[in-house]
N, C-alpha and C. Protein backbone atom coordinates (compact mmCIF):
# COMPACT_ATOMS: atom_id res chain seq x y z
N MET A 1 131.46 -41.00 88.32
CA MET A 1 131.42 -39.94 88.95
C MET A 1 130.78 -39.81 89.88
N SER A 2 130.50 -39.56 91.02
CA SER A 2 130.22 -38.91 92.18
C SER A 2 130.00 -38.57 93.07
N ARG A 3 128.56 -37.80 93.91
CA ARG A 3 129.43 -37.01 94.43
C ARG A 3 128.02 -36.37 95.31
N ALA A 4 127.84 -36.06 96.59
CA ALA A 4 126.22 -35.70 97.01
C ALA A 4 126.61 -34.86 98.14
N ALA A 5 125.59 -33.63 98.18
CA ALA A 5 125.83 -32.96 99.20
C ALA A 5 125.36 -32.91 100.60
N SER A 6 124.61 -33.87 100.85
CA SER A 6 124.51 -34.66 102.08
C SER A 6 125.56 -35.52 102.28
N HIS A 7 125.70 -35.62 103.90
CA HIS A 7 126.06 -37.32 103.91
C HIS A 7 125.18 -38.65 104.13
N SER A 8 124.72 -38.10 102.99
CA SER A 8 124.15 -40.18 102.84
C SER A 8 125.11 -40.96 102.91
N PHE A 9 125.09 -42.10 102.01
CA PHE A 9 125.67 -43.81 102.32
C PHE A 9 126.38 -43.00 101.52
N SER A 10 125.60 -43.54 99.87
CA SER A 10 125.74 -43.66 98.91
C SER A 10 125.50 -41.84 97.92
N LYS A 11 126.15 -42.21 97.07
CA LYS A 11 126.12 -41.22 96.00
C LYS A 11 125.98 -41.02 95.15
N PRO A 12 124.94 -40.43 94.13
CA PRO A 12 124.31 -40.28 92.80
C PRO A 12 125.52 -40.08 91.86
N THR A 13 125.82 -40.92 90.82
CA THR A 13 126.35 -40.62 89.48
C THR A 13 126.25 -39.07 89.05
N VAL A 14 127.54 -38.10 88.15
CA VAL A 14 127.28 -36.89 87.64
C VAL A 14 127.53 -37.70 86.65
N ASP A 15 127.53 -36.16 85.66
CA ASP A 15 128.09 -36.31 84.58
C ASP A 15 130.27 -36.25 84.77
N ALA A 16 130.11 -35.18 85.16
CA ALA A 16 131.38 -34.77 85.75
C ALA A 16 131.46 -34.28 87.00
N ILE A 17 133.01 -34.86 87.96
CA ILE A 17 133.20 -34.32 88.82
C ILE A 17 134.23 -33.15 88.73
N THR A 18 134.48 -31.83 89.28
CA THR A 18 135.82 -30.57 89.65
C THR A 18 136.59 -31.13 90.86
N LEU A 19 137.50 -31.84 90.75
CA LEU A 19 138.08 -31.30 91.99
C LEU A 19 139.02 -30.38 92.39
N ILE A 20 138.88 -29.23 93.05
CA ILE A 20 139.24 -28.66 93.51
C ILE A 20 140.67 -28.75 94.96
N GLU A 21 141.54 -27.88 94.82
CA GLU A 21 143.36 -28.83 95.11
C GLU A 21 142.92 -28.17 96.54
N GLY A 22 143.22 -28.76 97.34
CA GLY A 22 143.07 -28.87 99.04
C GLY A 22 142.24 -28.55 99.95
N TRP A 23 140.95 -28.95 98.65
CA TRP A 23 139.54 -28.89 99.22
C TRP A 23 138.50 -30.42 99.08
N GLY A 24 139.02 -31.17 97.62
CA GLY A 24 138.44 -31.95 97.27
C GLY A 24 137.12 -31.98 95.72
N VAL A 25 135.98 -33.25 96.22
CA VAL A 25 135.51 -32.66 94.99
C VAL A 25 134.21 -31.39 95.03
N GLU A 26 134.13 -30.63 94.59
CA GLU A 26 132.91 -29.52 94.54
C GLU A 26 131.67 -30.01 95.02
N GLY A 27 130.86 -29.46 96.31
CA GLY A 27 129.32 -29.95 95.69
C GLY A 27 129.75 -31.30 96.65
N ASP A 28 130.51 -32.03 97.48
CA ASP A 28 130.41 -33.35 97.81
C ASP A 28 130.44 -32.76 99.61
N ALA A 29 129.65 -33.39 100.27
CA ALA A 29 129.95 -33.49 101.24
C ALA A 29 130.52 -33.62 102.20
N HIS A 30 132.05 -34.40 102.23
CA HIS A 30 133.35 -34.48 102.36
C HIS A 30 134.47 -33.79 101.58
N ALA A 31 134.31 -32.62 101.23
CA ALA A 31 135.42 -31.77 100.67
C ALA A 31 135.45 -30.70 101.66
N GLY A 32 136.54 -30.13 101.93
CA GLY A 32 137.09 -29.42 103.19
C GLY A 32 138.85 -29.43 103.49
N ALA A 33 138.74 -28.92 103.98
CA ALA A 33 140.45 -28.33 104.42
C ALA A 33 141.00 -29.57 106.11
N THR A 34 139.45 -29.66 106.84
CA THR A 34 140.15 -30.01 107.60
C THR A 34 138.37 -31.36 107.28
N ALA A 35 138.57 -32.18 108.47
CA ALA A 35 138.13 -33.10 108.30
C ALA A 35 136.23 -33.21 107.74
N GLN A 36 135.52 -33.99 107.73
CA GLN A 36 134.16 -33.48 107.36
C GLN A 36 133.20 -35.30 106.83
N HIS A 37 134.18 -36.23 107.14
CA HIS A 37 132.97 -37.17 107.59
C HIS A 37 132.92 -37.32 109.62
N LEU A 38 131.96 -37.46 109.37
CA LEU A 38 130.76 -37.29 110.61
C LEU A 38 131.86 -37.83 111.40
N TYR A 39 132.70 -39.30 112.20
CA TYR A 39 132.93 -39.98 112.77
C TYR A 39 134.76 -39.54 113.01
N VAL A 40 134.78 -38.72 112.38
CA VAL A 40 136.39 -37.92 112.63
C VAL A 40 136.15 -36.87 113.01
N VAL A 41 134.90 -36.38 112.58
CA VAL A 41 134.15 -34.51 113.30
C VAL A 41 134.89 -35.10 114.65
N LYS A 42 133.71 -36.08 115.19
CA LYS A 42 132.84 -36.01 116.72
C LYS A 42 134.24 -35.81 116.99
N LYS A 43 135.89 -36.93 116.70
CA LYS A 43 137.04 -37.04 117.98
C LYS A 43 137.86 -36.00 117.51
N ASP A 44 137.82 -35.11 116.45
CA ASP A 44 139.00 -34.33 115.92
C ASP A 44 138.18 -32.96 114.85
N PRO A 45 137.69 -32.08 114.89
CA PRO A 45 136.77 -31.45 113.63
C PRO A 45 137.90 -30.59 113.43
N THR A 46 139.22 -30.48 113.90
CA THR A 46 140.61 -29.66 113.42
C THR A 46 141.72 -30.31 112.76
N ARG A 47 141.48 -31.49 112.65
CA ARG A 47 141.96 -32.51 111.53
C ARG A 47 141.78 -32.28 110.09
N ALA A 48 142.65 -32.19 109.36
CA ALA A 48 143.03 -31.99 108.77
C ALA A 48 142.47 -33.28 107.77
N ASN A 49 141.96 -32.94 106.94
CA ASN A 49 141.43 -33.86 105.68
C ASN A 49 142.15 -34.33 104.78
N LEU A 50 142.52 -35.77 105.41
CA LEU A 50 142.93 -37.08 104.36
C LEU A 50 142.19 -37.82 103.50
N THR A 51 140.65 -37.68 103.39
CA THR A 51 139.39 -37.82 103.00
C THR A 51 138.90 -37.31 101.28
N GLN A 52 139.34 -35.92 100.98
CA GLN A 52 139.09 -35.56 99.82
C GLN A 52 137.93 -35.96 98.85
N VAL A 53 138.58 -36.99 99.06
CA VAL A 53 138.55 -38.16 97.55
C VAL A 53 138.62 -39.62 97.96
N HIS A 54 137.58 -40.39 97.77
CA HIS A 54 137.34 -41.58 97.71
C HIS A 54 137.27 -42.21 96.32
N LEU A 55 138.09 -43.49 96.30
CA LEU A 55 138.68 -43.87 94.47
C LEU A 55 138.01 -45.07 94.96
N LEU A 56 137.54 -46.13 93.83
CA LEU A 56 137.33 -47.00 94.60
C LEU A 56 137.65 -47.93 93.22
N GLN A 57 137.99 -49.92 92.98
CA GLN A 57 138.37 -49.97 91.86
C GLN A 57 136.89 -50.85 91.42
N ALA A 58 136.62 -50.75 89.64
CA ALA A 58 135.33 -51.18 89.71
C ALA A 58 134.72 -52.61 89.11
N GLU A 59 136.89 -53.48 89.82
CA GLU A 59 137.19 -54.77 89.46
C GLU A 59 136.30 -55.26 90.77
N LEU A 60 135.61 -54.78 92.20
CA LEU A 60 135.31 -54.85 92.99
C LEU A 60 133.51 -55.13 93.11
N PHE A 61 133.14 -54.82 92.07
CA PHE A 61 131.70 -54.64 91.93
C PHE A 61 131.67 -56.11 91.06
N ASP A 62 132.47 -56.85 90.17
CA ASP A 62 132.63 -57.86 89.29
C ASP A 62 132.90 -59.22 90.63
N GLU A 63 133.79 -58.64 91.71
CA GLU A 63 133.67 -59.45 92.76
C GLU A 63 132.43 -59.75 94.14
N LEU A 64 131.59 -59.09 93.59
CA LEU A 64 130.44 -58.83 94.44
C LEU A 64 129.78 -59.67 93.38
N ASP A 65 128.86 -59.28 92.01
CA ASP A 65 128.45 -59.85 91.09
C ASP A 65 127.58 -60.93 92.10
N GLY A 66 126.65 -61.15 91.96
CA GLY A 66 126.04 -62.58 91.90
C GLY A 66 125.39 -62.65 93.43
N ARG A 67 126.17 -61.70 93.85
CA ARG A 67 126.14 -62.09 96.27
C ARG A 67 125.54 -60.76 96.33
N PHE A 68 125.91 -59.71 95.79
CA PHE A 68 125.40 -58.16 96.20
C PHE A 68 125.16 -57.42 94.73
N ALA A 69 124.65 -57.06 94.73
CA ALA A 69 124.31 -55.69 93.95
C ALA A 69 124.63 -54.74 93.58
N VAL A 70 125.58 -54.23 92.93
CA VAL A 70 126.70 -52.57 93.86
C VAL A 70 127.17 -52.23 92.53
N LEU A 71 126.44 -50.85 92.57
CA LEU A 71 126.95 -50.34 90.93
C LEU A 71 127.26 -48.84 91.78
N PRO A 72 128.81 -48.03 90.73
CA PRO A 72 129.24 -47.25 91.00
C PRO A 72 128.48 -45.64 92.24
N GLY A 73 128.95 -45.10 93.21
CA GLY A 73 128.51 -44.25 93.82
C GLY A 73 128.08 -44.80 94.72
N GLU A 74 127.58 -46.19 94.84
CA GLU A 74 126.56 -46.86 95.93
C GLU A 74 127.61 -47.11 96.97
N LEU A 75 128.71 -47.15 96.98
CA LEU A 75 129.64 -46.96 98.31
C LEU A 75 130.06 -46.29 98.91
N GLY A 76 129.76 -44.93 98.60
CA GLY A 76 130.03 -43.51 98.48
C GLY A 76 131.28 -43.07 97.77
N GLU A 77 131.86 -44.28 96.84
CA GLU A 77 132.99 -43.44 96.35
C GLU A 77 132.79 -41.95 95.01
N ASN A 78 133.70 -41.34 94.69
CA ASN A 78 133.66 -40.33 94.09
C ASN A 78 133.59 -41.12 92.51
N VAL A 79 135.21 -41.95 92.43
CA VAL A 79 135.59 -41.91 91.44
C VAL A 79 135.54 -43.29 91.39
N THR A 80 135.20 -44.21 90.30
CA THR A 80 135.15 -44.93 90.09
C THR A 80 136.42 -45.78 88.98
N THR A 81 137.60 -46.75 89.39
CA THR A 81 138.42 -46.80 88.10
C THR A 81 138.58 -48.11 87.61
N ARG A 82 139.18 -48.69 87.16
CA ARG A 82 139.72 -49.92 85.93
C ARG A 82 141.13 -50.09 85.26
N GLY A 83 141.57 -51.00 86.14
CA GLY A 83 142.70 -51.17 85.34
C GLY A 83 143.85 -50.77 86.30
N VAL A 84 143.48 -50.19 87.46
CA VAL A 84 144.87 -49.94 88.44
C VAL A 84 144.24 -50.88 89.69
N ASP A 85 145.66 -51.69 90.30
CA ASP A 85 145.22 -51.87 91.46
C ASP A 85 145.68 -50.73 92.47
N LEU A 86 144.29 -50.43 92.86
CA LEU A 86 144.30 -49.24 93.81
C LEU A 86 144.72 -49.45 95.15
N LEU A 87 144.33 -50.83 95.79
CA LEU A 87 144.71 -51.20 96.58
C LEU A 87 145.87 -51.63 97.26
N ALA A 88 146.87 -51.72 95.62
CA ALA A 88 148.14 -52.35 96.19
C ALA A 88 149.49 -50.92 96.15
N LEU A 89 148.55 -49.92 95.97
CA LEU A 89 149.35 -48.90 95.69
C LEU A 89 149.91 -48.18 96.98
N PRO A 90 150.99 -47.72 96.67
CA PRO A 90 151.86 -47.11 98.11
C PRO A 90 151.58 -46.14 98.40
N LEU A 91 151.59 -45.36 99.65
CA LEU A 91 151.38 -44.37 100.20
C LEU A 91 152.19 -43.35 99.42
N GLY A 92 151.38 -41.92 99.12
CA GLY A 92 152.22 -40.65 98.52
C GLY A 92 152.15 -40.67 96.50
N THR A 93 151.40 -42.17 96.85
CA THR A 93 151.19 -42.26 94.81
C THR A 93 150.21 -41.34 94.78
N ARG A 94 150.52 -40.14 93.47
CA ARG A 94 150.37 -39.34 92.45
C ARG A 94 149.05 -40.26 91.12
N LEU A 95 147.48 -40.07 91.53
CA LEU A 95 146.96 -40.46 90.51
C LEU A 95 145.83 -39.42 89.77
N HIS A 96 147.22 -38.99 88.37
CA HIS A 96 146.75 -38.25 87.57
C HIS A 96 145.43 -38.26 86.47
N LEU A 97 144.04 -38.12 86.55
CA LEU A 97 142.98 -38.30 86.49
C LEU A 97 142.30 -37.47 85.34
N GLY A 98 141.77 -37.64 84.06
CA GLY A 98 141.53 -36.46 83.54
C GLY A 98 143.08 -35.90 82.85
N ARG A 99 142.68 -34.91 82.06
CA ARG A 99 143.65 -33.61 81.69
C ARG A 99 144.52 -33.02 82.48
N GLU A 100 144.06 -32.63 83.74
CA GLU A 100 144.31 -31.23 84.81
C GLU A 100 144.43 -32.42 86.14
N ALA A 101 143.54 -32.85 86.35
CA ALA A 101 143.64 -33.42 88.23
C ALA A 101 144.81 -34.42 88.59
N ILE A 102 144.99 -33.87 90.06
CA ILE A 102 145.51 -34.96 90.97
C ILE A 102 145.61 -35.23 91.76
N VAL A 103 145.35 -36.53 92.40
CA VAL A 103 144.86 -37.20 93.93
C VAL A 103 146.30 -37.46 94.36
N GLU A 104 146.68 -37.82 95.63
CA GLU A 104 147.24 -37.88 96.27
C GLU A 104 147.31 -38.86 97.13
N VAL A 105 147.62 -40.37 96.96
CA VAL A 105 146.95 -41.79 98.03
C VAL A 105 147.30 -41.43 99.35
N THR A 106 146.30 -41.13 100.02
CA THR A 106 146.49 -40.82 101.61
C THR A 106 146.30 -42.32 102.77
N GLY A 107 145.84 -43.18 102.16
CA GLY A 107 145.08 -44.39 102.97
C GLY A 107 144.19 -45.24 102.55
N LEU A 108 143.55 -46.25 103.26
CA LEU A 108 142.75 -47.24 102.94
C LEU A 108 142.06 -46.83 103.25
N ARG A 109 140.07 -46.69 102.71
CA ARG A 109 139.14 -46.87 103.32
C ARG A 109 138.72 -47.93 104.26
N SER A 110 138.19 -47.86 105.10
CA SER A 110 137.90 -48.77 106.88
C SER A 110 136.41 -48.90 106.35
N PRO A 111 135.93 -49.98 105.42
CA PRO A 111 134.32 -49.85 105.71
C PRO A 111 133.84 -49.76 106.92
N CYS A 112 133.08 -49.00 107.03
CA CYS A 112 131.89 -48.68 107.98
C CYS A 112 130.42 -49.89 107.94
N SER A 113 130.23 -49.83 109.27
CA SER A 113 128.95 -50.55 109.63
C SER A 113 128.00 -50.03 109.01
N LYS A 114 128.09 -48.66 107.95
CA LYS A 114 126.70 -48.79 107.54
C LYS A 114 126.70 -49.61 106.42
N ILE A 115 127.28 -50.36 105.85
CA ILE A 115 127.09 -50.47 104.73
C ILE A 115 126.72 -51.90 105.16
N ASN A 116 126.43 -52.71 106.27
CA ASN A 116 125.49 -54.09 106.07
C ASN A 116 123.91 -53.48 106.41
N THR A 117 124.01 -52.03 106.73
CA THR A 117 122.16 -51.46 106.56
C THR A 117 122.27 -51.71 105.36
N TYR A 118 122.81 -50.78 104.24
CA TYR A 118 122.79 -50.60 102.88
C TYR A 118 122.44 -52.09 102.68
N GLN A 119 123.54 -53.12 103.02
CA GLN A 119 122.64 -54.68 101.93
C GLN A 119 123.65 -55.51 102.91
N ASP A 120 122.88 -56.17 103.39
CA ASP A 120 123.02 -57.42 104.73
C ASP A 120 124.04 -58.41 104.29
N GLY A 121 125.24 -57.65 105.37
CA GLY A 121 126.74 -58.80 104.68
C GLY A 121 127.60 -58.93 103.89
N LEU A 122 127.20 -57.61 103.59
CA LEU A 122 128.24 -56.93 101.96
C LEU A 122 129.49 -56.34 103.02
N MET A 123 129.16 -56.24 104.77
CA MET A 123 130.13 -55.88 105.41
C MET A 123 131.45 -57.07 105.22
N LYS A 124 130.78 -57.83 105.27
CA LYS A 124 131.84 -58.67 105.20
C LYS A 124 132.72 -59.41 104.16
N ALA A 125 131.96 -59.36 102.49
CA ALA A 125 132.30 -59.61 102.06
C ALA A 125 133.06 -58.15 101.35
N LEU A 126 133.21 -57.55 102.31
CA LEU A 126 134.35 -55.94 102.04
C LEU A 126 135.92 -55.66 102.58
N VAL A 127 135.95 -57.19 103.95
CA VAL A 127 137.08 -57.64 104.54
C VAL A 127 137.63 -58.37 104.43
N ALA A 128 138.51 -58.72 104.33
CA ALA A 128 138.49 -60.56 104.48
C ALA A 128 140.57 -60.15 104.63
N LYS A 129 140.83 -61.61 105.49
CA LYS A 129 142.23 -62.17 105.40
C LYS A 129 143.11 -62.84 104.97
N ASP A 130 144.33 -62.46 104.64
CA ASP A 130 145.22 -63.11 103.87
C ASP A 130 145.92 -64.24 104.09
N ASP A 131 146.82 -64.88 103.65
CA ASP A 131 147.40 -66.02 104.29
C ASP A 131 148.42 -65.73 105.70
N ASP A 132 148.39 -64.96 105.98
CA ASP A 132 148.64 -64.27 106.56
C ASP A 132 148.21 -63.82 108.04
N GLY A 133 146.70 -64.00 108.05
CA GLY A 133 146.08 -63.03 108.85
C GLY A 133 146.35 -62.10 108.90
N SER A 134 146.34 -61.24 107.79
CA SER A 134 146.22 -59.28 107.49
C SER A 134 145.09 -59.62 107.23
N ILE A 135 144.50 -58.27 107.58
CA ILE A 135 143.32 -57.93 107.00
C ILE A 135 143.65 -56.93 105.34
N ILE A 136 142.49 -57.38 104.78
CA ILE A 136 142.68 -57.20 103.70
C ILE A 136 140.93 -55.71 103.38
N ARG A 137 141.33 -54.70 103.51
CA ARG A 137 140.07 -53.34 103.41
C ARG A 137 140.03 -53.28 101.58
N LYS A 138 138.56 -54.05 101.20
CA LYS A 138 138.66 -53.93 99.67
C LYS A 138 137.94 -52.56 99.37
N SER A 139 137.74 -51.34 100.24
CA SER A 139 136.47 -50.62 100.36
C SER A 139 136.96 -49.16 99.81
N GLY A 140 138.40 -49.25 98.50
CA GLY A 140 138.68 -48.13 98.08
C GLY A 140 139.51 -47.76 98.52
N ILE A 141 140.43 -46.86 98.44
CA ILE A 141 141.23 -45.48 99.14
C ILE A 141 141.16 -44.29 98.55
N MET A 142 141.62 -43.52 99.61
CA MET A 142 141.41 -42.11 100.21
C MET A 142 142.69 -41.06 99.46
N GLY A 143 141.75 -39.78 99.28
CA GLY A 143 143.28 -38.95 98.43
C GLY A 143 142.88 -37.45 98.94
N ILE A 144 143.47 -37.16 98.53
CA ILE A 144 143.93 -35.53 98.79
C ILE A 144 143.78 -34.52 97.24
N VAL A 145 143.19 -33.82 96.75
CA VAL A 145 143.45 -33.29 95.78
C VAL A 145 144.51 -32.23 95.93
N VAL A 146 145.85 -32.98 95.05
CA VAL A 146 146.90 -31.53 94.78
C VAL A 146 146.89 -30.73 93.56
N ALA A 147 146.30 -30.89 92.94
CA ALA A 147 145.96 -29.55 91.58
C ALA A 147 144.20 -30.75 91.20
N GLY A 148 143.87 -29.36 90.76
CA GLY A 148 142.38 -29.37 90.75
C GLY A 148 142.23 -29.78 89.16
N GLY A 149 141.13 -29.71 89.23
CA GLY A 149 140.47 -30.25 87.39
C GLY A 149 139.07 -30.89 87.08
N VAL A 150 138.90 -30.53 86.04
CA VAL A 150 137.40 -31.23 85.82
C VAL A 150 137.79 -33.24 85.48
N VAL A 151 137.18 -33.93 85.79
CA VAL A 151 137.40 -35.30 85.93
C VAL A 151 135.93 -35.82 85.18
N SER A 152 135.85 -36.73 84.71
CA SER A 152 134.45 -36.89 83.89
C SER A 152 134.70 -39.45 82.80
N PRO A 153 133.84 -39.68 83.02
CA PRO A 153 134.02 -41.19 83.24
C PRO A 153 134.03 -41.13 82.04
N GLY A 154 135.48 -42.42 81.67
CA GLY A 154 136.18 -42.44 80.37
C GLY A 154 137.53 -41.97 80.20
N ASP A 155 137.76 -40.94 81.71
CA ASP A 155 139.02 -39.83 81.43
C ASP A 155 140.40 -40.95 81.70
N THR A 156 141.20 -41.38 81.42
CA THR A 156 142.23 -41.53 82.23
C THR A 156 143.12 -41.47 83.22
N VAL A 157 143.41 -42.92 83.43
CA VAL A 157 143.65 -42.43 85.34
C VAL A 157 145.80 -42.59 84.77
N ARG A 158 146.75 -41.94 84.97
CA ARG A 158 148.45 -42.19 85.08
C ARG A 158 148.58 -42.25 85.94
N VAL A 159 149.67 -43.50 87.11
CA VAL A 159 149.86 -43.85 88.18
C VAL A 159 151.46 -43.41 88.12
N GLU A 160 151.60 -42.68 89.11
CA GLU A 160 152.85 -41.81 89.52
C GLU A 160 153.05 -42.44 91.03
N LEU A 161 154.47 -42.81 90.52
CA LEU A 161 154.60 -43.55 92.30
C LEU A 161 155.79 -43.06 93.09
N PRO A 162 155.63 -43.14 94.08
CA PRO A 162 156.81 -42.04 94.42
C PRO A 162 157.63 -42.17 94.63
N GLU A 163 159.46 -41.60 95.27
CA GLU A 163 160.20 -41.95 94.73
C GLU A 163 160.15 -42.09 96.53
N GLY A 164 161.44 -42.81 96.39
CA GLY A 164 162.16 -43.34 97.69
C GLY A 164 161.45 -45.27 97.64
N GLU A 165 161.68 -45.17 98.90
CA GLU A 165 161.17 -46.75 99.82
C GLU A 165 159.66 -46.65 99.70
N HIS A 166 159.08 -47.19 99.36
CA HIS A 166 157.41 -47.60 99.36
C HIS A 166 156.35 -48.18 100.20
N VAL A 167 155.67 -46.94 100.96
CA VAL A 167 155.03 -47.55 102.31
C VAL A 167 153.81 -47.89 101.93
N ALA A 168 153.39 -49.39 102.62
CA ALA A 168 152.46 -49.32 102.43
C ALA A 168 151.15 -48.77 102.81
N LEU A 169 149.87 -48.37 102.72
CA LEU A 169 148.78 -48.03 102.71
C LEU A 169 147.78 -48.26 104.09
N GLY A 170 147.74 -47.80 105.18
CA GLY A 170 147.32 -47.80 106.26
C GLY A 170 145.67 -47.24 106.38
N VAL A 171 145.07 -47.36 107.18
CA VAL A 171 143.38 -46.47 107.42
C VAL A 171 143.77 -45.24 107.60
N VAL A 172 143.05 -44.89 107.02
CA VAL A 172 142.67 -43.17 106.79
C VAL A 172 141.69 -42.90 107.71
């Protein structure tokens, strides 16, 4: 679990985070009903905040090991998961975190150029192409809080897929 009160690149890990419905992570710079990411605010400060919570799969750290030293929170994520293929989830999936919190998946995080400032060449490792030439973004997913609660390391993650046709995630 990670959060930062300022718009810093990395977020320090904490013992627990509190998710607030319709707001995001308590005490995090990206929490709010409207967009808080600085590049989005410049374009449209009234835009709904679809990026209240950033989730990243710990398997990415395994993949990067040996080439880059990256630990939980260092890529700006709030929640680090293991055993859930976050990038393959459809739009609208609900992730039940711990006993009470629910985050609805809104899209993929597109890695920003600040990643290369953090570690040179890391951006290229977070973006790949599949056999069809489509771009694969590996820097996690974003979501909104639909039910608040406290989330701690080791809490369970239960995946609730949306009903109907599944829509692939786009970038938010």
